[in-house]
Amino acid sequence: MKKIIFIAIFINFSFAFNWNTIVGIFKKTVNTLSYTIEASGVNPRVYEFDTQGYPRMHCVVIFRDNTNTSPAMQCVETRPEYIKMNEKLEK
């Protein structure tokens, strides 16, 4: 009985891993700018990107090294002539 439960759990986890891998292959990757900000004691990572569903939105996400804090995200609507980051990154 223990072998059957172990095999069922193993198959379940391996299927979930494989499904995420298969689905992830077909997802589109968005060009991002990434950098760190040197701050006193904490160096947050920053990612900037233009959304694909609504290309006039420019988003900034900040991740801190502290596991007790959640990432901060801010999106602003921009004019296309001001920020065309995806075209700049392709060059």
PDB file of N, CA and C in Angstrom:
ATOM      1  N   MET A   1       0.821  -1.195   0.000  1.00  0.00           N
ATOM      2  CA  MET A   1       0.000   0.000   0.000  1.00  0.00           C
ATOM      3  C   MET A   1       0.869   1.264   0.000  1.00  0.00           C
ATOM      4  N   LYS A   2       1.961   1.227   0.787  1.00  0.00           N
ATOM      5  CA  LYS A   2       2.834   2.391   0.838  1.00  0.00           C
ATOM      6  C   LYS A   2       3.498   2.645  -0.515  1.00  0.00           C
ATOM      7  N   LYS A   3       3.816   1.547  -1.230  1.00  0.00           N
ATOM      8  CA  LYS A   3       4.434   1.708  -2.547  1.00  0.00           C
ATOM      9  C   LYS A   3       3.482   2.377  -3.526  1.00  0.00           C
ATOM     10  N   ILE A   4       2.225   2.021  -3.465  1.00  0.00           N
ATOM     11  CA  ILE A   4       1.232   2.620  -4.370  1.00  0.00           C
ATOM     12  C   ILE A   4       1.076   4.102  -4.087  1.00  0.00           C
ATOM     13  N   ILE A   5       1.019   4.476  -2.820  1.00  0.00           N
ATOM     14  CA  ILE A   5       0.906   5.898  -2.453  1.00  0.00           C
ATOM     15  C   ILE A   5       2.146   6.657  -2.901  1.00  0.00           C
ATOM     16  N   PHE A   6       3.315   6.077  -2.682  1.00  0.00           N
ATOM     17  CA  PHE A   6       4.563   6.722  -3.101  1.00  0.00           C
ATOM     18  C   PHE A   6       4.594   6.910  -4.611  1.00  0.00           C
ATOM     19  N   ILE A   7       4.219   5.886  -5.360  1.00  0.00           N
ATOM     20  CA  ILE A   7       4.210   5.983  -6.821  1.00  0.00           C
ATOM     21  C   ILE A   7       3.202   7.024  -7.289  1.00  0.00           C
ATOM     22  N   ALA A   8       2.030   7.085  -6.666  1.00  0.00           N
ATOM     23  CA  ALA A   8       1.007   8.066  -7.041  1.00  0.00           C
ATOM     24  C   ALA A   8       1.504   9.492  -6.785  1.00  0.00           C
ATOM     25  N   ILE A   9       2.148   9.714  -5.657  1.00  0.00           N
ATOM     26  CA  ILE A   9       2.680  11.043  -5.349  1.00  0.00           C
ATOM     27  C   ILE A   9       3.802  11.400  -6.322  1.00  0.00           C
ATOM     28  N   PHE A  10       4.680  10.458  -6.615  1.00  0.00           N
ATOM     29  CA  PHE A  10       5.783  10.699  -7.537  1.00  0.00           C
ATOM     30  C   PHE A  10       5.269  11.050  -8.934  1.00  0.00           C
ATOM     31  N   ILE A  11       4.297  10.303  -9.421  1.00  0.00           N
ATOM     32  CA  ILE A  11       3.725  10.572 -10.749  1.00  0.00           C
ATOM     33  C   ILE A  11       3.042  11.931 -10.769  1.00  0.00           C
ATOM     34  N   ASN A  12       2.338  12.265  -9.696  1.00  0.00           N
ATOM     35  CA  ASN A  12       1.649  13.550  -9.625  1.00  0.00           C
ATOM     36  C   ASN A  12       2.640  14.709  -9.708  1.00  0.00           C
ATOM     37  N   PHE A  13       3.736  14.666  -8.939  1.00  0.00           N
ATOM     38  CA  PHE A  13       4.722  15.742  -8.955  1.00  0.00           C
ATOM     39  C   PHE A  13       5.473  15.791 -10.278  1.00  0.00           C
ATOM     40  N   SER A  14       5.793  14.649 -10.853  1.00  0.00           N
ATOM     41  CA  SER A  14       6.526  14.662 -12.119  1.00  0.00           C
ATOM     42  C   SER A  14       5.649  15.187 -13.239  1.00  0.00           C
ATOM     43  N   PHE A  15       4.344  14.882 -13.228  1.00  0.00           N
ATOM     44  CA  PHE A  15       3.441  15.414 -14.241  1.00  0.00           C
ATOM     45  C   PHE A  15       3.305  16.922 -14.105  1.00  0.00           C
ATOM     46  N   ALA A  16       3.194  17.424 -12.876  1.00  0.00           N
ATOM     47  CA  ALA A  16       3.069  18.865 -12.664  1.00  0.00           C
ATOM     48  C   ALA A  16       4.320  19.582 -13.150  1.00  0.00           C
ATOM     49  N   PHE A  17       5.496  19.042 -12.858  1.00  0.00           N
ATOM     50  CA  PHE A  17       6.733  19.660 -13.320  1.00  0.00           C
ATOM     51  C   PHE A  17       6.793  19.660 -14.838  1.00  0.00           C
ATOM     52  N   ASN A  18       6.496  18.544 -15.460  1.00  0.00           N
ATOM     53  CA  ASN A  18       6.551  18.454 -16.913  1.00  0.00           C
ATOM     54  C   ASN A  18       5.525  19.359 -17.571  1.00  0.00           C
ATOM     55  N   TRP A  19       4.328  19.475 -16.995  1.00  0.00           N
ATOM     56  CA  TRP A  19       3.297  20.331 -17.576  1.00  0.00           C
ATOM     57  C   TRP A  19       3.740  21.792 -17.543  1.00  0.00           C
ATOM     58  N   ASN A  20       4.308  22.246 -16.427  1.00  0.00           N
ATOM     59  CA  ASN A  20       4.801  23.621 -16.350  1.00  0.00           C
ATOM     60  C   ASN A  20       5.920  23.866 -17.344  1.00  0.00           C
ATOM     61  N   THR A  21       6.778  22.891 -17.546  1.00  0.00           N
ATOM     62  CA  THR A  21       7.862  23.031 -18.502  1.00  0.00           C
ATOM     63  C   THR A  21       7.323  23.108 -19.922  1.00  0.00           C
ATOM     64  N   ILE A  22       6.383  22.263 -20.242  1.00  0.00           N
ATOM     65  CA  ILE A  22       5.813  22.256 -21.592  1.00  0.00           C
ATOM     66  C   ILE A  22       5.067  23.549 -21.873  1.00  0.00           C
ATOM     67  N   VAL A  23       4.249  24.009 -20.945  1.00  0.00           N
ATOM     68  CA  VAL A  23       3.485  25.238 -21.136  1.00  0.00           C
ATOM     69  C   VAL A  23       4.422  26.446 -21.214  1.00  0.00           C
ATOM     70  N   GLY A  24       5.499  26.449 -20.419  1.00  0.00           N
ATOM     71  CA  GLY A  24       6.434  27.568 -20.412  1.00  0.00           C
ATOM     72  C   GLY A  24       7.189  27.751 -21.710  1.00  0.00           C
ATOM     73  N   ILE A  25       7.346  26.694 -22.486  1.00  0.00           N
ATOM     74  CA  ILE A  25       8.054  26.796 -23.764  1.00  0.00           C
ATOM     75  C   ILE A  25       7.296  27.694 -24.736  1.00  0.00           C
ATOM     76  N   PHE A  26       5.986  27.662 -24.698  1.00  0.00           N
ATOM     77  CA  PHE A  26       5.179  28.377 -25.673  1.00  0.00           C
ATOM     78  C   PHE A  26       4.805  29.797 -25.249  1.00  0.00           C
ATOM     79  N   LYS A  27       5.184  30.211 -24.054  1.00  0.00           N
ATOM     80  CA  LYS A  27       4.865  31.562 -23.602  1.00  0.00           C
ATOM     81  C   LYS A  27       5.844  32.567 -24.211  1.00  0.00           C
ATOM     82  N   LYS A  28       5.326  33.753 -24.512  1.00  0.00           N
ATOM     83  CA  LYS A  28       6.150  34.801 -25.084  1.00  0.00           C
ATOM     84  C   LYS A  28       6.970  35.472 -23.985  1.00  0.00           C
ATOM     85  N   THR A  29       8.219  35.777 -24.280  1.00  0.00           N
ATOM     86  CA  THR A  29       9.085  36.458 -23.329  1.00  0.00           C
ATOM     87  C   THR A  29       9.084  37.952 -23.647  1.00  0.00           C
ATOM     88  N   VAL A  30       8.927  38.759 -22.616  1.00  0.00           N
ATOM     89  CA  VAL A  30       8.905  40.209 -22.769  1.00  0.00           C
ATOM     90  C   VAL A  30      10.300  40.750 -22.501  1.00  0.00           C
ATOM     91  N   ASN A  31      10.754  41.669 -23.334  1.00  0.00           N
ATOM     92  CA  ASN A  31      12.052  42.312 -23.110  1.00  0.00           C
ATOM     93  C   ASN A  31      11.977  43.188 -21.867  1.00  0.00           C
ATOM     94  N   THR A  32      12.971  43.081 -21.005  1.00  0.00           N
ATOM     95  CA  THR A  32      12.991  43.868 -19.781  1.00  0.00           C
ATOM     96  C   THR A  32      14.357  44.518 -19.611  1.00  0.00           C
ATOM     97  N   LEU A  33      14.355  45.598 -18.882  1.00  0.00           N
ATOM     98  CA  LEU A  33      15.589  46.190 -18.395  1.00  0.00           C
ATOM     99  C   LEU A  33      15.704  45.789 -16.942  1.00  0.00           C
ATOM    100  N   SER A  34      16.859  45.345 -16.522  1.00  0.00           N
ATOM    101  CA  SER A  34      17.026  44.970 -15.117  1.00  0.00           C
ATOM    102  C   SER A  34      18.323  45.567 -14.592  1.00  0.00           C
ATOM    103  N   TYR A  35      18.267  46.011 -13.340  1.00  0.00           N
ATOM    104  CA  TYR A  35      19.430  46.606 -12.692  1.00  0.00           C
ATOM    105  C   TYR A  35      19.210  46.590 -11.193  1.00  0.00           C
ATOM    106  N   THR A  36      20.269  46.840 -10.446  1.00  0.00           N
ATOM    107  CA  THR A  36      20.160  46.934  -8.993  1.00  0.00           C
ATOM    108  C   THR A  36      20.419  48.376  -8.580  1.00  0.00           C
ATOM    109  N   ILE A  37      19.812  48.745  -7.484  1.00  0.00           N
ATOM    110  CA  ILE A  37      20.010  50.081  -6.924  1.00  0.00           C
ATOM    111  C   ILE A  37      20.832  49.905  -5.655  1.00  0.00           C
ATOM    112  N   GLU A  38      21.948  50.577  -5.595  1.00  0.00           N
ATOM    113  CA  GLU A  38      22.784  50.478  -4.401  1.00  0.00           C
ATOM    114  C   GLU A  38      22.203  51.390  -3.328  1.00  0.00           C
ATOM    115  N   ALA A  39      21.776  50.773  -2.243  1.00  0.00           N
ATOM    116  CA  ALA A  39      21.184  51.516  -1.127  1.00  0.00           C
ATOM    117  C   ALA A  39      21.893  51.091   0.155  1.00  0.00           C
ATOM    118  N   SER A  40      21.610  51.775   1.225  1.00  0.00           N
ATOM    119  CA  SER A  40      22.261  51.494   2.496  1.00  0.00           C
ATOM    120  C   SER A  40      21.808  50.151   3.054  1.00  0.00           C
ATOM    121  N   GLY A  41      22.645  49.131   2.922  1.00  0.00           N
ATOM    122  CA  GLY A  41      22.351  47.833   3.493  1.00  0.00           C
ATOM    123  C   GLY A  41      21.463  46.938   2.654  1.00  0.00           C
ATOM    124  N   VAL A  42      20.728  47.500   1.711  1.00  0.00           N
ATOM    125  CA  VAL A  42      19.810  46.713   0.891  1.00  0.00           C
ATOM    126  C   VAL A  42      20.028  47.108  -0.564  1.00  0.00           C
ATOM    127  N   ASN A  43      20.160  46.138  -1.435  1.00  0.00           N
ATOM    128  CA  ASN A  43      20.305  46.417  -2.863  1.00  0.00           C
ATOM    129  C   ASN A  43      19.126  45.818  -3.628  1.00  0.00           C
ATOM    130  N   PRO A  44      18.046  46.594  -3.792  1.00  0.00           N
ATOM    131  CA  PRO A  44      16.873  46.048  -4.486  1.00  0.00           C
ATOM    132  C   PRO A  44      17.139  45.862  -5.979  1.00  0.00           C
ATOM    133  N   ARG A  45      16.505  44.831  -6.539  1.00  0.00           N
ATOM    134  CA  ARG A  45      16.562  44.582  -7.974  1.00  0.00           C
ATOM    135  C   ARG A  45      15.362  45.256  -8.623  1.00  0.00           C
ATOM    136  N   VAL A  46      15.586  45.882  -9.774  1.00  0.00           N
ATOM    137  CA  VAL A  46      14.530  46.607 -10.474  1.00  0.00           C
ATOM    138  C   VAL A  46      14.381  46.020 -11.873  1.00  0.00           C
ATOM    139  N   TYR A  47      13.137  45.814 -12.284  1.00  0.00           N
ATOM    140  CA  TYR A  47      12.834  45.337 -13.637  1.00  0.00           C
ATOM    141  C   TYR A  47      11.834  46.307 -14.260  1.00  0.00           C
ATOM    142  N   GLU A  48      12.097  46.715 -15.489  1.00  0.00           N
ATOM    143  CA  GLU A  48      11.197  47.591 -16.226  1.00  0.00           C
ATOM    144  C   GLU A  48      10.775  46.890 -17.506  1.00  0.00           C
ATOM    145  N   PHE A  49       9.493  47.041 -17.867  1.00  0.00           N
ATOM    146  CA  PHE A  49       8.996  46.427 -19.096  1.00  0.00           C
ATOM    147  C   PHE A  49       7.754  47.146 -19.584  1.00  0.00           C
ATOM    148  N   ASP A  50       7.479  46.993 -20.864  1.00  0.00           N
ATOM    149  CA  ASP A  50       6.236  47.474 -21.466  1.00  0.00           C
ATOM    150  C   ASP A  50       5.289  46.285 -21.557  1.00  0.00           C
ATOM    151  N   THR A  51       4.034  46.492 -21.178  1.00  0.00           N
ATOM    152  CA  THR A  51       3.074  45.395 -21.216  1.00  0.00           C
ATOM    153  C   THR A  51       2.743  45.032 -22.655  1.00  0.00           C
ATOM    154  N   GLN A  52       2.418  43.787 -22.889  1.00  0.00           N
ATOM    155  CA  GLN A  52       2.097  43.322 -24.233  1.00  0.00           C
ATOM    156  C   GLN A  52       0.627  43.520 -24.565  1.00  0.00           C
ATOM    157  N   GLY A  53      -0.252  43.381 -23.597  1.00  0.00           N
ATOM    158  CA  GLY A  53      -1.677  43.540 -23.852  1.00  0.00           C
ATOM    159  C   GLY A  53      -2.073  44.978 -24.110  1.00  0.00           C
ATOM    160  N   TYR A  54      -1.413  45.899 -23.467  1.00  0.00           N
ATOM    161  CA  TYR A  54      -1.684  47.318 -23.640  1.00  0.00           C
ATOM    162  C   TYR A  54      -0.329  48.012 -23.730  1.00  0.00           C
ATOM    163  N   PRO A  55       0.224  48.168 -24.945  1.00  0.00           N
ATOM    164  CA  PRO A  55       1.617  48.595 -25.092  1.00  0.00           C
ATOM    165  C   PRO A  55       1.938  49.994 -24.569  1.00  0.00           C
ATOM    166  N   ARG A  56       0.957  50.766 -24.206  1.00  0.00           N
ATOM    167  CA  ARG A  56       1.247  52.101 -23.685  1.00  0.00           C
ATOM    168  C   ARG A  56       1.522  52.091 -22.186  1.00  0.00           C
ATOM    169  N   MET A  57       1.461  50.935 -21.559  1.00  0.00           N
ATOM    170  CA  MET A  57       1.741  50.844 -20.125  1.00  0.00           C
ATOM    171  C   MET A  57       3.198  50.442 -19.919  1.00  0.00           C
ATOM    172  N   HIS A  58       3.897  51.188 -19.091  1.00  0.00           N
ATOM    173  CA  HIS A  58       5.282  50.914 -18.738  1.00  0.00           C
ATOM    174  C   HIS A  58       5.297  50.586 -17.252  1.00  0.00           C
ATOM    175  N   CYS A  59       5.811  49.408 -16.901  1.00  0.00           N
ATOM    176  CA  CYS A  59       5.768  48.950 -15.514  1.00  0.00           C
ATOM    177  C   CYS A  59       7.168  48.817 -14.931  1.00  0.00           C
ATOM    178  N   VAL A  60       7.260  49.094 -13.643  1.00  0.00           N
ATOM    179  CA  VAL A  60       8.503  48.954 -12.888  1.00  0.00           C
ATOM    180  C   VAL A  60       8.198  48.063 -11.688  1.00  0.00           C
ATOM    181  N   VAL A  61       9.008  47.008 -11.500  1.00  0.00           N
ATOM    182  CA  VAL A  61       8.846  46.096 -10.368  1.00  0.00           C
ATOM    183  C   VAL A  61      10.141  46.116  -9.565  1.00  0.00           C
ATOM    184  N   ILE A  62      10.023  46.243  -8.244  1.00  0.00           N
ATOM    185  CA  ILE A  62      11.187  46.280  -7.361  1.00  0.00           C
ATOM    186  C   ILE A  62      11.117  45.097  -6.400  1.00  0.00           C
ATOM    187  N   PHE A  63      12.183  44.287  -6.380  1.00  0.00           N
ATOM    188  CA  PHE A  63      12.307  43.148  -5.471  1.00  0.00           C
ATOM    189  C   PHE A  63      13.409  43.451  -4.468  1.00  0.00           C
ATOM    190  N   ARG A  64      13.113  43.239  -3.193  1.00  0.00           N
ATOM    191  CA  ARG A  64      14.137  43.401  -2.155  1.00  0.00           C
ATOM    192  C   ARG A  64      14.625  42.030  -1.716  1.00  0.00           C
ATOM    193  N   ASP A  65      15.818  41.994  -1.140  1.00  0.00           N
ATOM    194  CA  ASP A  65      16.396  40.729  -0.693  1.00  0.00           C
ATOM    195  C   ASP A  65      15.710  40.172   0.549  1.00  0.00           C
ATOM    196  N   ASN A  66      15.009  41.003   1.275  1.00  0.00           N
ATOM    197  CA  ASN A  66      14.326  40.572   2.487  1.00  0.00           C
ATOM    198  C   ASN A  66      13.119  39.709   2.126  1.00  0.00           C
ATOM    199  N   THR A  67      13.044  38.504   2.672  1.00  0.00           N
ATOM    200  CA  THR A  67      11.934  37.605   2.359  1.00  0.00           C
ATOM    201  C   THR A  67      10.622  38.029   3.005  1.00  0.00           C
ATOM    202  N   ASN A  68      10.675  38.951   3.964  1.00  0.00           N
ATOM    203  CA  ASN A  68       9.450  39.399   4.634  1.00  0.00           C
ATOM    204  C   ASN A  68       8.743  40.521   3.889  1.00  0.00           C
ATOM    205  N   THR A  69       9.329  41.023   2.816  1.00  0.00           N
ATOM    206  CA  THR A  69       8.697  42.103   2.057  1.00  0.00           C
ATOM    207  C   THR A  69       8.268  41.588   0.692  1.00  0.00           C
ATOM    208  N   SER A  70       7.148  42.094   0.230  1.00  0.00           N
ATOM    209  CA  SER A  70       6.655  41.697  -1.086  1.00  0.00           C
ATOM    210  C   SER A  70       7.188  42.673  -2.143  1.00  0.00           C
ATOM    211  N   PRO A  71       7.223  42.246  -3.399  1.00  0.00           N
ATOM    212  CA  PRO A  71       7.694  43.156  -4.445  1.00  0.00           C
ATOM    213  C   PRO A  71       6.723  44.315  -4.643  1.00  0.00           C
ATOM    214  N   ALA A  72       7.249  45.439  -5.072  1.00  0.00           N
ATOM    215  CA  ALA A  72       6.420  46.603  -5.365  1.00  0.00           C
ATOM    216  C   ALA A  72       6.358  46.780  -6.873  1.00  0.00           C
ATOM    217  N   MET A  73       5.161  47.092  -7.382  1.00  0.00           N
ATOM    218  CA  MET A  73       4.991  47.262  -8.816  1.00  0.00           C
ATOM    219  C   MET A  73       4.195  48.525  -9.085  1.00  0.00           C
ATOM    220  N   GLN A  74       4.653  49.291 -10.064  1.00  0.00           N
ATOM    221  CA  GLN A  74       3.951  50.509 -10.457  1.00  0.00           C
ATOM    222  C   GLN A  74       3.905  50.552 -11.975  1.00  0.00           C
ATOM    223  N   CYS A  75       2.733  50.757 -12.528  1.00  0.00           N
ATOM    224  CA  CYS A  75       2.576  50.885 -13.976  1.00  0.00           C
ATOM    225  C   CYS A  75       2.009  52.265 -14.293  1.00  0.00           C
ATOM    226  N   VAL A  76       2.562  52.895 -15.312  1.00  0.00           N
ATOM    227  CA  VAL A  76       2.096  54.210 -15.728  1.00  0.00           C
ATOM    228  C   VAL A  76       1.822  54.188 -17.222  1.00  0.00           C
ATOM    229  N   GLU A  77       0.825  54.957 -17.619  1.00  0.00           N
ATOM    230  CA  GLU A  77       0.525  55.066 -19.037  1.00  0.00           C
ATOM    231  C   GLU A  77       1.455  56.109 -19.645  1.00  0.00           C
ATOM    232  N   THR A  78       2.054  55.774 -20.750  1.00  0.00           N
ATOM    233  CA  THR A  78       3.013  56.662 -21.397  1.00  0.00           C
ATOM    234  C   THR A  78       2.601  56.916 -22.834  1.00  0.00           C
ATOM    235  N   ARG A  79       3.199  57.924 -23.379  1.00  0.00           N
ATOM    236  CA  ARG A  79       3.012  58.173 -24.805  1.00  0.00           C
ATOM    237  C   ARG A  79       3.992  57.297 -25.569  1.00  0.00           C
ATOM    238  N   PRO A  80       3.589  56.747 -26.686  1.00  0.00           N
ATOM    239  CA  PRO A  80       4.486  55.847 -27.417  1.00  0.00           C
ATOM    240  C   PRO A  80       5.794  56.501 -27.847  1.00  0.00           C
ATOM    241  N   GLU A  81       5.794  57.794 -28.089  1.00  0.00           N
ATOM    242  CA  GLU A  81       7.033  58.445 -28.531  1.00  0.00           C
ATOM    243  C   GLU A  81       8.023  58.628 -27.388  1.00  0.00           C
ATOM    244  N   TYR A  82       7.580  58.505 -26.122  1.00  0.00           N
ATOM    245  CA  TYR A  82       8.484  58.666 -24.989  1.00  0.00           C
ATOM    246  C   TYR A  82       9.200  57.365 -24.639  1.00  0.00           C
ATOM    247  N   ILE A  83       8.461  56.283 -24.561  1.00  0.00           N
ATOM    248  CA  ILE A  83       9.077  55.008 -24.166  1.00  0.00           C
ATOM    249  C   ILE A  83       8.734  53.964 -25.214  1.00  0.00           C
ATOM    250  N   LYS A  84       9.737  53.514 -25.911  1.00  0.00           N
ATOM    251  CA  LYS A  84       9.601  52.411 -26.862  1.00  0.00           C
ATOM    252  C   LYS A  84      10.686  51.409 -26.522  1.00  0.00           C
ATOM    253  N   MET A  85      10.622  50.921 -25.308  1.00  0.00           N
ATOM    254  CA  MET A  85      11.716  50.108 -24.782  1.00  0.00           C
ATOM    255  C   MET A  85      11.904  48.814 -25.565  1.00  0.00           C
ATOM    256  N   ASN A  86      10.813  48.160 -25.957  1.00  0.00           N
ATOM    257  CA  ASN A  86      10.956  46.891 -26.658  1.00  0.00           C
ATOM    258  C   ASN A  86      11.695  47.057 -27.975  1.00  0.00           C
ATOM    259  N   GLU A  87      11.482  48.164 -28.671  1.00  0.00           N
ATOM    260  CA  GLU A  87      12.206  48.383 -29.916  1.00  0.00           C
ATOM    261  C   GLU A  87      13.671  48.719 -29.650  1.00  0.00           C
ATOM    262  N   LYS A  88      13.973  49.433 -28.564  1.00  0.00           N
ATOM    263  CA  LYS A  88      15.352  49.780 -28.244  1.00  0.00           C
ATOM    264  C   LYS A  88      16.158  48.538 -27.880  1.00  0.00           C
ATOM    265  N   LEU A  89      15.541  47.591 -27.178  1.00  0.00           N
ATOM    266  CA  LEU A  89      16.257  46.409 -26.733  1.00  0.00           C
ATOM    267  C   LEU A  89      16.566  45.447 -27.871  1.00  0.00           C
ATOM    268  N   GLU A  90      15.771  45.497 -28.935  1.00  0.00           N
ATOM    269  CA  GLU A  90      15.990  44.569 -30.043  1.00  0.00           C
ATOM    270  C   GLU A  90      17.189  44.947 -30.889  1.00  0.00           C
ATOM    271  N   LYS A  91      17.646  46.201 -30.809  1.00  0.00           N
ATOM    272  CA  LYS A  91      18.766  46.655 -31.627  1.00  0.00           C
ATOM    273  C   LYS A  91      20.071  46.087 -31.170  1.00  0.00           C
TER     274      LYS A  91
END
